[in-house]
PDB file of N, CA and C in Angstrom:
ATOM      1  N   MET A   1     -27.843 -34.673  23.988  1.00  0.00           N
ATOM      2  CA  MET A   1     -27.617 -36.102  24.016  1.00  0.00           C
ATOM      3  C   MET A   1     -28.848 -36.842  23.473  1.00  0.00           C
ATOM      4  N   LEU A   2     -30.009 -36.406  23.892  1.00  0.00           N
ATOM      5  CA  LEU A   2     -31.238 -37.058  23.432  1.00  0.00           C
ATOM      6  C   LEU A   2     -31.411 -36.905  21.928  1.00  0.00           C
ATOM      7  N   LEU A   3     -31.062 -35.747  21.388  1.00  0.00           N
ATOM      8  CA  LEU A   3     -31.168 -35.533  19.948  1.00  0.00           C
ATOM      9  C   LEU A   3     -30.218 -36.452  19.193  1.00  0.00           C
ATOM     10  N   ALA A   4     -28.996 -36.606  19.702  1.00  0.00           N
ATOM     11  CA  ALA A   4     -28.027 -37.489  19.043  1.00  0.00           C
ATOM     12  C   ALA A   4     -28.513 -38.925  19.051  1.00  0.00           C
ATOM     13  N   VAL A   5     -29.040 -39.366  20.155  1.00  0.00           N
ATOM     14  CA  VAL A   5     -29.548 -40.744  20.241  1.00  0.00           C
ATOM     15  C   VAL A   5     -30.742 -40.927  19.319  1.00  0.00           C
ATOM     16  N   SER A   6     -31.636 -39.940  19.282  1.00  0.00           N
ATOM     17  CA  SER A   6     -32.841 -40.103  18.469  1.00  0.00           C
ATOM     18  C   SER A   6     -32.533 -40.066  16.976  1.00  0.00           C
ATOM     19  N   THR A   7     -31.561 -39.257  16.565  1.00  0.00           N
ATOM     20  CA  THR A   7     -31.259 -39.218  15.138  1.00  0.00           C
ATOM     21  C   THR A   7     -30.412 -40.401  14.704  1.00  0.00           C
ATOM     22  N   ASP A   8     -29.547 -40.903  15.572  1.00  0.00           N
ATOM     23  CA  ASP A   8     -28.713 -42.057  15.226  1.00  0.00           C
ATOM     24  C   ASP A   8     -29.454 -43.378  15.408  1.00  0.00           C
ATOM     25  N   LEU A   9     -30.601 -43.327  15.998  1.00  0.00           N
ATOM     26  CA  LEU A   9     -31.365 -44.547  16.259  1.00  0.00           C
ATOM     27  C   LEU A   9     -31.820 -45.240  14.982  1.00  0.00           C
ATOM     28  N   PHE A  10     -31.988 -44.490  13.889  1.00  0.00           N
ATOM     29  CA  PHE A  10     -32.535 -45.063  12.671  1.00  0.00           C
ATOM     30  C   PHE A  10     -31.482 -45.619  11.728  1.00  0.00           C
ATOM     31  N   TYR A  11     -30.194 -45.392  11.992  1.00  0.00           N
ATOM     32  CA  TYR A  11     -29.159 -45.911  11.103  1.00  0.00           C
ATOM     33  C   TYR A  11     -29.178 -47.434  11.005  1.00  0.00           C
ATOM     34  N   PRO A  12     -29.226 -48.165  12.131  1.00  0.00           N
ATOM     35  CA  PRO A  12     -29.236 -49.628  11.993  1.00  0.00           C
ATOM     36  C   PRO A  12     -30.435 -50.157  11.222  1.00  0.00           C
ATOM     37  N   SER A  13     -31.593 -49.559  11.423  1.00  0.00           N
ATOM     38  CA  SER A  13     -32.772 -50.033  10.691  1.00  0.00           C
ATOM     39  C   SER A  13     -32.664 -49.697   9.209  1.00  0.00           C
ATOM     40  N   ALA A  14     -32.066 -48.566   8.873  1.00  0.00           N
ATOM     41  CA  ALA A  14     -31.878 -48.215   7.468  1.00  0.00           C
ATOM     42  C   ALA A  14     -30.895 -49.168   6.804  1.00  0.00           C
ATOM     43  N   VAL A  15     -29.857 -49.537   7.520  1.00  0.00           N
ATOM     44  CA  VAL A  15     -28.882 -50.491   6.979  1.00  0.00           C
ATOM     45  C   VAL A  15     -29.539 -51.854   6.796  1.00  0.00           C
ATOM     46  N   ALA A  16     -30.320 -52.285   7.768  1.00  0.00           N
ATOM     47  CA  ALA A  16     -31.008 -53.577   7.655  1.00  0.00           C
ATOM     48  C   ALA A  16     -32.003 -53.569   6.507  1.00  0.00           C
ATOM     49  N   LEU A  17     -32.680 -52.459   6.302  1.00  0.00           N
ATOM     50  CA  LEU A  17     -33.615 -52.362   5.184  1.00  0.00           C
ATOM     51  C   LEU A  17     -32.873 -52.451   3.861  1.00  0.00           C
ATOM     52  N   GLY A  18     -31.744 -51.773   3.759  1.00  0.00           N
ATOM     53  CA  GLY A  18     -30.932 -51.871   2.546  1.00  0.00           C
ATOM     54  C   GLY A  18     -30.450 -53.289   2.293  1.00  0.00           C
ATOM     55  N   MET A  19     -30.119 -54.002   3.362  1.00  0.00           N
ATOM     56  CA  MET A  19     -29.684 -55.399   3.228  1.00  0.00           C
ATOM     57  C   MET A  19     -30.824 -56.287   2.748  1.00  0.00           C
ATOM     58  N   SER A  20     -32.033 -55.973   3.137  1.00  0.00           N
ATOM     59  CA  SER A  20     -33.162 -56.801   2.706  1.00  0.00           C
ATOM     60  C   SER A  20     -33.461 -56.615   1.222  1.00  0.00           C
ATOM     61  N   TYR A  21     -33.111 -55.447   0.682  1.00  0.00           N
ATOM     62  CA  TYR A  21     -33.333 -55.208  -0.746  1.00  0.00           C
ATOM     63  C   TYR A  21     -32.370 -55.993  -1.621  1.00  0.00           C
ATOM     64  N   VAL A  22     -31.153 -56.228  -1.122  1.00  0.00           N
ATOM     65  CA  VAL A  22     -30.123 -56.922  -1.902  1.00  0.00           C
ATOM     66  C   VAL A  22     -29.540 -58.039  -1.038  1.00  0.00           C
ATOM     67  N   PRO A  23     -30.266 -59.141  -0.856  1.00  0.00           N
ATOM     68  CA  PRO A  23     -29.814 -60.177   0.078  1.00  0.00           C
ATOM     69  C   PRO A  23     -28.526 -60.881  -0.346  1.00  0.00           C
ATOM     70  N   GLY A  24     -28.188 -60.858  -1.622  1.00  0.00           N
ATOM     71  CA  GLY A  24     -26.981 -61.532  -2.073  1.00  0.00           C
ATOM     72  C   GLY A  24     -25.714 -60.725  -1.871  1.00  0.00           C
ATOM     73  N   HIS A  25     -25.855 -59.445  -1.578  1.00  0.00           N
ATOM     74  CA  HIS A  25     -24.699 -58.558  -1.438  1.00  0.00           C
ATOM     75  C   HIS A  25     -24.861 -57.710  -0.175  1.00  0.00           C
ATOM     76  N   LEU A  26     -24.782 -58.355   0.975  1.00  0.00           N
ATOM     77  CA  LEU A  26     -25.058 -57.669   2.237  1.00  0.00           C
ATOM     78  C   LEU A  26     -24.039 -56.578   2.539  1.00  0.00           C
ATOM     79  N   GLY A  27     -22.772 -56.843   2.269  1.00  0.00           N
ATOM     80  CA  GLY A  27     -21.746 -55.843   2.544  1.00  0.00           C
ATOM     81  C   GLY A  27     -21.913 -54.596   1.700  1.00  0.00           C
ATOM     82  N   THR A  28     -22.195 -54.792   0.428  1.00  0.00           N
ATOM     83  CA  THR A  28     -22.403 -53.655  -0.461  1.00  0.00           C
ATOM     84  C   THR A  28     -23.632 -52.857  -0.040  1.00  0.00           C
ATOM     85  N   ALA A  29     -24.713 -53.556   0.271  1.00  0.00           N
ATOM     86  CA  ALA A  29     -25.948 -52.873   0.665  1.00  0.00           C
ATOM     87  C   ALA A  29     -25.758 -52.088   1.960  1.00  0.00           C
ATOM     88  N   SER A  30     -25.075 -52.670   2.939  1.00  0.00           N
ATOM     89  CA  SER A  30     -24.888 -51.958   4.199  1.00  0.00           C
ATOM     90  C   SER A  30     -23.937 -50.781   4.023  1.00  0.00           C
ATOM     91  N   GLY A  31     -22.889 -50.956   3.212  1.00  0.00           N
ATOM     92  CA  GLY A  31     -21.968 -49.846   2.966  1.00  0.00           C
ATOM     93  C   GLY A  31     -22.631 -48.689   2.254  1.00  0.00           C
ATOM     94  N   LEU A  32     -23.449 -48.992   1.265  1.00  0.00           N
ATOM     95  CA  LEU A  32     -24.154 -47.932   0.548  1.00  0.00           C
ATOM     96  C   LEU A  32     -25.164 -47.223   1.445  1.00  0.00           C
ATOM     97  N   SER A  33     -25.910 -47.985   2.224  1.00  0.00           N
ATOM     98  CA  SER A  33     -26.925 -47.385   3.101  1.00  0.00           C
ATOM     99  C   SER A  33     -26.283 -46.440   4.104  1.00  0.00           C
ATOM    100  N   TYR A  34     -25.235 -46.916   4.759  1.00  0.00           N
ATOM    101  CA  TYR A  34     -24.583 -46.085   5.770  1.00  0.00           C
ATOM    102  C   TYR A  34     -23.834 -44.930   5.123  1.00  0.00           C
ATOM    103  N   GLY A  35     -23.192 -45.188   3.992  1.00  0.00           N
ATOM    104  CA  GLY A  35     -22.451 -44.142   3.305  1.00  0.00           C
ATOM    105  C   GLY A  35     -23.334 -43.015   2.823  1.00  0.00           C
ATOM    106  N   ILE A  36     -24.487 -43.347   2.290  1.00  0.00           N
ATOM    107  CA  ILE A  36     -25.416 -42.310   1.825  1.00  0.00           C
ATOM    108  C   ILE A  36     -25.926 -41.488   3.009  1.00  0.00           C
ATOM    109  N   ALA A  37     -26.207 -42.157   4.122  1.00  0.00           N
ATOM    110  CA  ALA A  37     -26.684 -41.430   5.301  1.00  0.00           C
ATOM    111  C   ALA A  37     -25.626 -40.455   5.806  1.00  0.00           C
ATOM    112  N   VAL A  38     -24.378 -40.882   5.835  1.00  0.00           N
ATOM    113  CA  VAL A  38     -23.297 -40.008   6.305  1.00  0.00           C
ATOM    114  C   VAL A  38     -23.079 -38.857   5.326  1.00  0.00           C
ATOM    115  N   CYS A  39     -23.134 -39.137   4.030  1.00  0.00           N
ATOM    116  CA  CYS A  39     -22.938 -38.079   3.027  1.00  0.00           C
ATOM    117  C   CYS A  39     -24.036 -37.035   3.087  1.00  0.00           C
ATOM    118  N   VAL A  40     -25.267 -37.462   3.246  1.00  0.00           N
ATOM    119  CA  VAL A  40     -26.373 -36.496   3.335  1.00  0.00           C
ATOM    120  C   VAL A  40     -26.199 -35.622   4.569  1.00  0.00           C
ATOM    121  N   GLY A  41     -25.782 -36.235   5.672  1.00  0.00           N
ATOM    122  CA  GLY A  41     -25.523 -35.447   6.878  1.00  0.00           C
ATOM    123  C   GLY A  41     -24.391 -34.461   6.681  1.00  0.00           C
ATOM    124  N   GLY A  42     -23.350 -34.874   5.963  1.00  0.00           N
ATOM    125  CA  GLY A  42     -22.235 -33.980   5.697  1.00  0.00           C
ATOM    126  C   GLY A  42     -22.605 -32.827   4.792  1.00  0.00           C
ATOM    127  N   VAL A  43     -23.506 -33.057   3.865  1.00  0.00           N
ATOM    128  CA  VAL A  43     -23.956 -31.986   2.976  1.00  0.00           C
ATOM    129  C   VAL A  43     -24.850 -31.001   3.730  1.00  0.00           C
ATOM    130  N   ALA A  44     -25.677 -31.501   4.626  1.00  0.00           N
ATOM    131  CA  ALA A  44     -26.615 -30.639   5.350  1.00  0.00           C
ATOM    132  C   ALA A  44     -25.941 -29.860   6.475  1.00  0.00           C
ATOM    133  N   GLU A  45     -24.816 -30.343   6.977  1.00  0.00           N
ATOM    134  CA  GLU A  45     -24.186 -29.731   8.143  1.00  0.00           C
ATOM    135  C   GLU A  45     -23.808 -28.258   7.955  1.00  0.00           C
ATOM    136  N   PRO A  46     -23.202 -27.852   6.849  1.00  0.00           N
ATOM    137  CA  PRO A  46     -22.889 -26.417   6.707  1.00  0.00           C
ATOM    138  C   PRO A  46     -24.126 -25.516   6.696  1.00  0.00           C
ATOM    139  N   PHE A  47     -25.204 -26.002   6.115  1.00  0.00           N
ATOM    140  CA  PHE A  47     -26.439 -25.214   6.098  1.00  0.00           C
ATOM    141  C   PHE A  47     -27.035 -25.082   7.503  1.00  0.00           C
ATOM    142  N   LEU A  48     -26.965 -26.176   8.260  1.00  0.00           N
ATOM    143  CA  LEU A  48     -27.456 -26.116   9.637  1.00  0.00           C
ATOM    144  C   LEU A  48     -26.585 -25.192  10.476  1.00  0.00           C
ATOM    145  N   GLY A  49     -25.273 -25.225  10.246  1.00  0.00           N
ATOM    146  CA  GLY A  49     -24.376 -24.326  10.963  1.00  0.00           C
ATOM    147  C   GLY A  49     -24.638 -22.863  10.637  1.00  0.00           C
ATOM    148  N   ALA A  50     -24.863 -22.572   9.364  1.00  0.00           N
ATOM    149  CA  ALA A  50     -25.171 -21.198   8.962  1.00  0.00           C
ATOM    150  C   ALA A  50     -26.493 -20.740   9.569  1.00  0.00           C
ATOM    151  N   ALA A  51     -27.471 -21.645   9.586  1.00  0.00           N
ATOM    152  CA  ALA A  51     -28.757 -21.291  10.200  1.00  0.00           C
ATOM    153  C   ALA A  51     -28.583 -21.072  11.702  1.00  0.00           C
ATOM    154  N   GLY A  52     -27.760 -21.896  12.339  1.00  0.00           N
ATOM    155  CA  GLY A  52     -27.500 -21.715  13.764  1.00  0.00           C
ATOM    156  C   GLY A  52     -26.812 -20.398  14.065  1.00  0.00           C
ATOM    157  N   ASP A  53     -25.890 -19.981  13.191  1.00  0.00           N
ATOM    158  CA  ASP A  53     -25.237 -18.685  13.368  1.00  0.00           C
ATOM    159  C   ASP A  53     -26.222 -17.533  13.160  1.00  0.00           C
ATOM    160  N   ALA A  54     -27.141 -17.688  12.231  1.00  0.00           N
ATOM    161  CA  ALA A  54     -28.069 -16.607  11.902  1.00  0.00           C
ATOM    162  C   ALA A  54     -29.191 -16.454  12.920  1.00  0.00           C
ATOM    163  N   ILE A  55     -29.796 -17.574  13.325  1.00  0.00           N
ATOM    164  CA  ILE A  55     -30.981 -17.466  14.193  1.00  0.00           C
ATOM    165  C   ILE A  55     -30.784 -18.081  15.576  1.00  0.00           C
ATOM    166  N   GLY A  56     -29.655 -18.746  15.811  1.00  0.00           N
ATOM    167  CA  GLY A  56     -29.386 -19.355  17.107  1.00  0.00           C
ATOM    168  C   GLY A  56     -29.554 -20.866  17.050  1.00  0.00           C
ATOM    169  N   LEU A  57     -28.902 -21.533  17.983  1.00  0.00           N
ATOM    170  CA  LEU A  57     -28.933 -22.992  17.986  1.00  0.00           C
ATOM    171  C   LEU A  57     -30.258 -23.613  18.434  1.00  0.00           C
ATOM    172  N   PRO A  58     -30.938 -23.077  19.433  1.00  0.00           N
ATOM    173  CA  PRO A  58     -32.190 -23.732  19.862  1.00  0.00           C
ATOM    174  C   PRO A  58     -33.222 -23.925  18.746  1.00  0.00           C
ATOM    175  N   PRO A  59     -33.478 -22.934  17.887  1.00  0.00           N
ATOM    176  CA  PRO A  59     -34.448 -23.191  16.818  1.00  0.00           C
ATOM    177  C   PRO A  59     -33.991 -24.272  15.830  1.00  0.00           C
ATOM    178  N   VAL A  60     -32.689 -24.296  15.545  1.00  0.00           N
ATOM    179  CA  VAL A  60     -32.169 -25.312  14.626  1.00  0.00           C
ATOM    180  C   VAL A  60     -32.310 -26.694  15.238  1.00  0.00           C
ATOM    181  N   ILE A  61     -32.013 -26.812  16.525  1.00  0.00           N
ATOM    182  CA  ILE A  61     -32.132 -28.106  17.190  1.00  0.00           C
ATOM    183  C   ILE A  61     -33.594 -28.535  17.258  1.00  0.00           C
ATOM    184  N   MET A  62     -34.502 -27.588  17.446  1.00  0.00           N
ATOM    185  CA  MET A  62     -35.934 -27.929  17.450  1.00  0.00           C
ATOM    186  C   MET A  62     -36.374 -28.435  16.076  1.00  0.00           C
ATOM    187  N   VAL A  63     -35.854 -27.834  15.009  1.00  0.00           N
ATOM    188  CA  VAL A  63     -36.175 -28.308  13.656  1.00  0.00           C
ATOM    189  C   VAL A  63     -35.658 -29.728  13.466  1.00  0.00           C
ATOM    190  N   LEU A  64     -34.439 -29.999  13.932  1.00  0.00           N
ATOM    191  CA  LEU A  64     -33.888 -31.353  13.818  1.00  0.00           C
ATOM    192  C   LEU A  64     -34.704 -32.358  14.630  1.00  0.00           C
ATOM    193  N   ALA A  65     -35.142 -31.953  15.802  1.00  0.00           N
ATOM    194  CA  ALA A  65     -35.982 -32.843  16.609  1.00  0.00           C
ATOM    195  C   ALA A  65     -37.317 -33.103  15.916  1.00  0.00           C
ATOM    196  N   GLY A  66     -37.870 -32.063  15.287  1.00  0.00           N
ATOM    197  CA  GLY A  66     -39.109 -32.239  14.534  1.00  0.00           C
ATOM    198  C   GLY A  66     -38.926 -33.178  13.354  1.00  0.00           C
ATOM    199  N   LEU A  67     -37.795 -33.059  12.671  1.00  0.00           N
ATOM    200  CA  LEU A  67     -37.507 -33.977  11.560  1.00  0.00           C
ATOM    201  C   LEU A  67     -37.373 -35.411  12.045  1.00  0.00           C
ATOM    202  N   ALA A  68     -36.737 -35.597  13.197  1.00  0.00           N
ATOM    203  CA  ALA A  68     -36.612 -36.939  13.754  1.00  0.00           C
ATOM    204  C   ALA A  68     -37.988 -37.516  14.096  1.00  0.00           C
ATOM    205  N   ALA A  69     -38.867 -36.681  14.641  1.00  0.00           N
ATOM    206  CA  ALA A  69     -40.225 -37.147  14.951  1.00  0.00           C
ATOM    207  C   ALA A  69     -40.986 -37.490  13.672  1.00  0.00           C
ATOM    208  N   LEU A  70     -40.832 -36.671  12.638  1.00  0.00           N
ATOM    209  CA  LEU A  70     -41.473 -36.954  11.357  1.00  0.00           C
ATOM    210  C   LEU A  70     -40.964 -38.267  10.769  1.00  0.00           C
ATOM    211  N   GLU A  71     -39.667 -38.487  10.873  1.00  0.00           N
ATOM    212  CA  GLU A  71     -39.099 -39.743  10.376  1.00  0.00           C
ATOM    213  C   GLU A  71     -39.648 -40.938  11.138  1.00  0.00           C
ATOM    214  N   ALA A  72     -39.828 -40.790  12.431  1.00  0.00           N
ATOM    215  CA  ALA A  72     -40.387 -41.884  13.222  1.00  0.00           C
ATOM    216  C   ALA A  72     -41.823 -42.182  12.788  1.00  0.00           C
ATOM    217  N   ILE A  73     -42.594 -41.148  12.551  1.00  0.00           N
ATOM    218  CA  ILE A  73     -43.979 -41.337  12.102  1.00  0.00           C
ATOM    219  C   ILE A  73     -44.006 -42.011  10.737  1.00  0.00           C
ATOM    220  N   LEU A  74     -43.142 -41.570   9.830  1.00  0.00           N
ATOM    221  CA  LEU A  74     -43.091 -42.190   8.505  1.00  0.00           C
ATOM    222  C   LEU A  74     -42.648 -43.649   8.583  1.00  0.00           C
ATOM    223  N   ALA A  75     -41.734 -43.949   9.492  1.00  0.00           N
ATOM    224  CA  ALA A  75     -41.295 -45.338   9.663  1.00  0.00           C
ATOM    225  C   ALA A  75     -42.447 -46.217  10.142  1.00  0.00           C
ATOM    226  N   ILE A  76     -43.254 -45.697  11.042  1.00  0.00           N
ATOM    227  CA  ILE A  76     -44.408 -46.463  11.533  1.00  0.00           C
ATOM    228  C   ILE A  76     -45.414 -46.677  10.412  1.00  0.00           C
ATOM    229  N   ILE A  77     -45.664 -45.643   9.630  1.00  0.00           N
ATOM    230  CA  ILE A  77     -46.599 -45.767   8.505  1.00  0.00           C
ATOM    231  C   ILE A  77     -46.103 -46.801   7.510  1.00  0.00           C
ATOM    232  N   LEU A  78     -44.818 -46.735   7.166  1.00  0.00           N
ATOM    233  CA  LEU A  78     -44.255 -47.699   6.217  1.00  0.00           C
ATOM    234  C   LEU A  78     -44.308 -49.121   6.752  1.00  0.00           C
ATOM    235  N   ALA A  79     -44.067 -49.291   8.032  1.00  0.00           N
ATOM    236  CA  ALA A  79     -44.140 -50.627   8.625  1.00  0.00           C
ATOM    237  C   ALA A  79     -45.562 -51.180   8.556  1.00  0.00           C
ATOM    238  N   ARG A  80     -46.533 -50.320   8.792  1.00  0.00           N
ATOM    239  CA  ARG A  80     -47.931 -50.777   8.720  1.00  0.00           C
ATOM    240  C   ARG A  80     -48.335 -51.112   7.279  1.00  0.00           C
ATOM    241  N   LEU A  81     -47.872 -50.306   6.334  1.00  0.00           N
ATOM    242  CA  LEU A  81     -48.156 -50.607   4.928  1.00  0.00           C
ATOM    243  C   LEU A  81     -47.495 -51.912   4.509  1.00  0.00           C
ATOM    244  N   ASP A  82     -46.295 -52.149   4.972  1.00  0.00           N
ATOM    245  CA  ASP A  82     -45.606 -53.390   4.643  1.00  0.00           C
ATOM    246  C   ASP A  82     -46.317 -54.586   5.280  1.00  0.00           C
ATOM    247  N   ALA A  83     -46.834 -54.417   6.487  1.00  0.00           N
ATOM    248  CA  ALA A  83     -47.561 -55.508   7.150  1.00  0.00           C
ATOM    249  C   ALA A  83     -48.857 -55.843   6.407  1.00  0.00           C
ATOM    250  N   ARG A  84     -49.489 -54.834   5.827  1.00  0.00           N
ATOM    251  CA  ARG A  84     -50.720 -55.080   5.077  1.00  0.00           C
ATOM    252  C   ARG A  84     -50.448 -55.854   3.794  1.00  0.00           C
ATOM    253  N   ARG A  85     -49.295 -55.603   3.194  1.00  0.00           N
ATOM    254  CA  ARG A  85     -48.947 -56.299   1.949  1.00  0.00           C
ATOM    255  C   ARG A  85     -48.588 -57.755   2.187  1.00  0.00           C
ATOM    256  N   SER A  86     -48.105 -58.059   3.372  1.00  0.00           N
ATOM    257  CA  SER A  86     -47.690 -59.441   3.663  1.00  0.00           C
ATOM    258  C   SER A  86     -48.838 -60.330   4.034  1.00  0.00           C
TER     259      SER A  86
END
């Protein structure tokens, strides 16, 4: 449950960021942002399933948790860089 919440936590911010890039077309920007996120997840899912079958689910889930932590760190770095530019 915690992994699902942590990985889905960034979707709204990604959609909002996409909307800020194209302020005149909010619907298009939000649809593209969310659609790309879902497509990337759909492409990665079979590989994660195969890895889970080969080495077990706990290591795969730990890798996903590590990726979520890395994404959080990168988001903080990007926010600080954006604050410096403003």
